[in-house]
Amino acid sequence: MKLLVDENLPPRLAHDLDDLFPSSVHVSSLGLERTADALIWEYAKTHEFTFLTKDKDFANLSVAWGAPPKVVLLQMGNCSTGRIIHIMRMNAIRLSDFERDSNRSLLILR
């Protein structure tokens, strides 16, 4: 699984999680900051990314449009980058199972 990290999350997440999710990138490194959700969705779909976000709009797109791309929605309010990294690492098996499950398009992590 490679992650496309939303602009509402710290850019360093893509780097700090690279050992688990190789080839992950932040939208800002692609010049996609302040880009319409539909265009980011299409980019993630075309380039086979799983989208990591705190934005419920992408969860809604996932339900409406289905995968690809798959969406990982972080529902943990304001927290440190370290906390997000910890949650992602603690859920590595769930994320792997989610990636393999063709029937699921949305995973919510709390």
Protein backbone atom coordinates (compact mmCIF):
# COMPACT_ATOMS: atom_id res chain seq x y z
CA MET A 1 0.00 0.00 0.00
CA LYS A 2 1.26 3.45 -0.82
CA LEU A 3 -0.37 6.45 0.79
CA LEU A 4 -1.32 9.81 -0.64
CA VAL A 5 -1.35 12.00 2.47
CA ASP A 6 -3.91 14.80 2.47
CA GLU A 7 -2.90 18.42 2.97
CA ASN A 8 -4.71 18.51 6.33
CA LEU A 9 -2.00 16.17 7.66
CA PRO A 10 1.70 16.88 8.22
CA PRO A 11 3.92 16.33 5.16
CA ARG A 12 6.42 14.35 7.23
CA LEU A 13 3.92 11.47 7.60
CA ALA A 14 4.76 10.15 4.14
CA HIS A 15 8.45 10.00 5.06
CA ASP A 16 8.00 8.75 8.62
CA LEU A 17 5.76 5.87 7.49
CA ASP A 18 7.80 4.96 4.42
CA ASP A 19 9.09 1.74 6.00
CA LEU A 20 5.48 0.43 6.20
CA PHE A 21 4.07 2.24 3.17
CA PRO A 22 6.83 2.65 0.56
CA SER A 23 6.41 5.26 -2.18
CA SER A 24 3.96 7.30 -0.09
CA VAL A 25 3.76 11.04 -0.77
CA HIS A 26 2.10 14.16 0.59
CA VAL A 27 -0.16 16.11 -1.78
CA SER A 28 2.07 19.18 -1.38
CA SER A 29 5.04 17.34 -2.87
CA LEU A 30 2.94 16.80 -5.99
CA GLY A 31 1.75 20.39 -6.22
CA LEU A 32 -1.81 19.35 -5.33
CA GLU A 33 -2.37 21.58 -2.30
CA ARG A 34 -5.57 23.62 -2.51
CA THR A 35 -6.79 21.32 -5.31
CA ALA A 36 -10.44 20.26 -5.67
CA ASP A 37 -11.29 17.01 -3.92
CA ALA A 38 -12.44 15.40 -7.18
CA LEU A 39 -9.05 16.05 -8.82
CA ILE A 40 -7.15 14.64 -5.85
CA TRP A 41 -9.47 11.63 -5.90
CA GLU A 42 -8.73 11.07 -9.58
CA TYR A 43 -4.98 11.41 -9.00
CA ALA A 44 -5.07 8.84 -6.21
CA LYS A 45 -7.14 6.50 -8.36
CA THR A 46 -4.94 6.84 -11.44
CA HIS A 47 -1.70 6.37 -9.51
CA GLU A 48 -2.99 3.56 -7.25
CA PHE A 49 -2.72 5.37 -3.93
CA THR A 50 -4.69 4.83 -0.75
CA PHE A 51 -5.78 8.25 0.48
CA LEU A 52 -4.97 9.14 4.10
CA THR A 53 -7.04 12.01 5.48
CA LYS A 54 -8.93 13.59 8.35
CA ASP A 55 -11.42 15.09 5.88
CA LYS A 56 -14.88 13.51 6.05
CA ASP A 57 -15.57 14.71 2.51
CA PHE A 58 -13.27 11.97 1.22
CA ALA A 59 -15.08 9.39 3.34
CA ASN A 60 -18.30 10.53 1.69
CA LEU A 61 -16.72 10.21 -1.76
CA SER A 62 -15.58 6.73 -0.84
CA VAL A 63 -19.11 5.71 0.09
CA ALA A 64 -20.61 7.36 -3.01
CA TRP A 65 -18.02 6.35 -5.60
CA GLY A 66 -16.38 3.28 -4.06
CA ALA A 67 -12.80 2.23 -4.61
CA PRO A 68 -10.38 2.89 -6.07
CA PRO A 69 -8.95 4.74 -4.38
CA LYS A 70 -9.41 3.39 -0.91
CA VAL A 71 -9.64 5.93 1.91
CA VAL A 72 -8.23 5.78 5.42
CA LEU A 73 -10.05 8.32 7.58
CA LEU A 74 -8.35 9.38 10.80
CA GLN A 75 -10.94 10.34 13.41
CA MET A 76 -8.83 11.47 16.30
CA GLY A 77 -9.29 15.22 16.50
CA ASN A 78 -6.29 17.44 17.08
CA CYS A 79 -3.27 15.37 17.98
CA SER A 80 0.45 15.24 17.45
CA THR A 81 2.14 13.82 14.40
CA GLY A 82 3.72 11.25 16.68
CA ARG A 83 0.25 10.10 17.77
CA ILE A 84 -0.84 9.65 14.14
CA ILE A 85 2.31 7.67 13.39
CA HIS A 86 1.67 5.51 16.46
CA ILE A 87 -1.95 4.83 15.40
CA MET A 88 -0.86 3.91 11.87
CA ARG A 89 1.81 1.55 13.16
CA MET A 90 -0.51 -0.05 15.71
CA ASN A 91 -3.01 -0.71 12.91
CA ALA A 92 -0.54 -2.05 10.35
CA ILE A 93 -2.27 -5.45 10.19
CA ARG A 94 -5.73 -3.86 9.84
CA LEU A 95 -4.37 -1.64 7.07
CA SER A 96 -2.89 -4.64 5.28
CA ASP A 97 -6.18 -6.55 5.55
CA PHE A 98 -8.04 -3.47 4.30
CA GLU A 99 -5.77 -3.22 1.28
CA ARG A 100 -6.45 -6.85 0.31
CA ASP A 101 -10.23 -6.65 0.80
CA SER A 102 -11.74 -5.71 -2.56
CA ASN A 103 -15.17 -5.17 -0.97
CA ARG A 104 -14.07 -2.30 1.27
CA SER A 105 -13.34 1.28 0.25
CA LEU A 106 -13.19 3.04 3.65
CA LEU A 107 -11.30 2.34 6.87
CA ILE A 108 -11.82 4.55 9.89
CA LEU A 109 -9.08 4.71 12.49
CA ARG A 110 -9.62 6.28 15.90
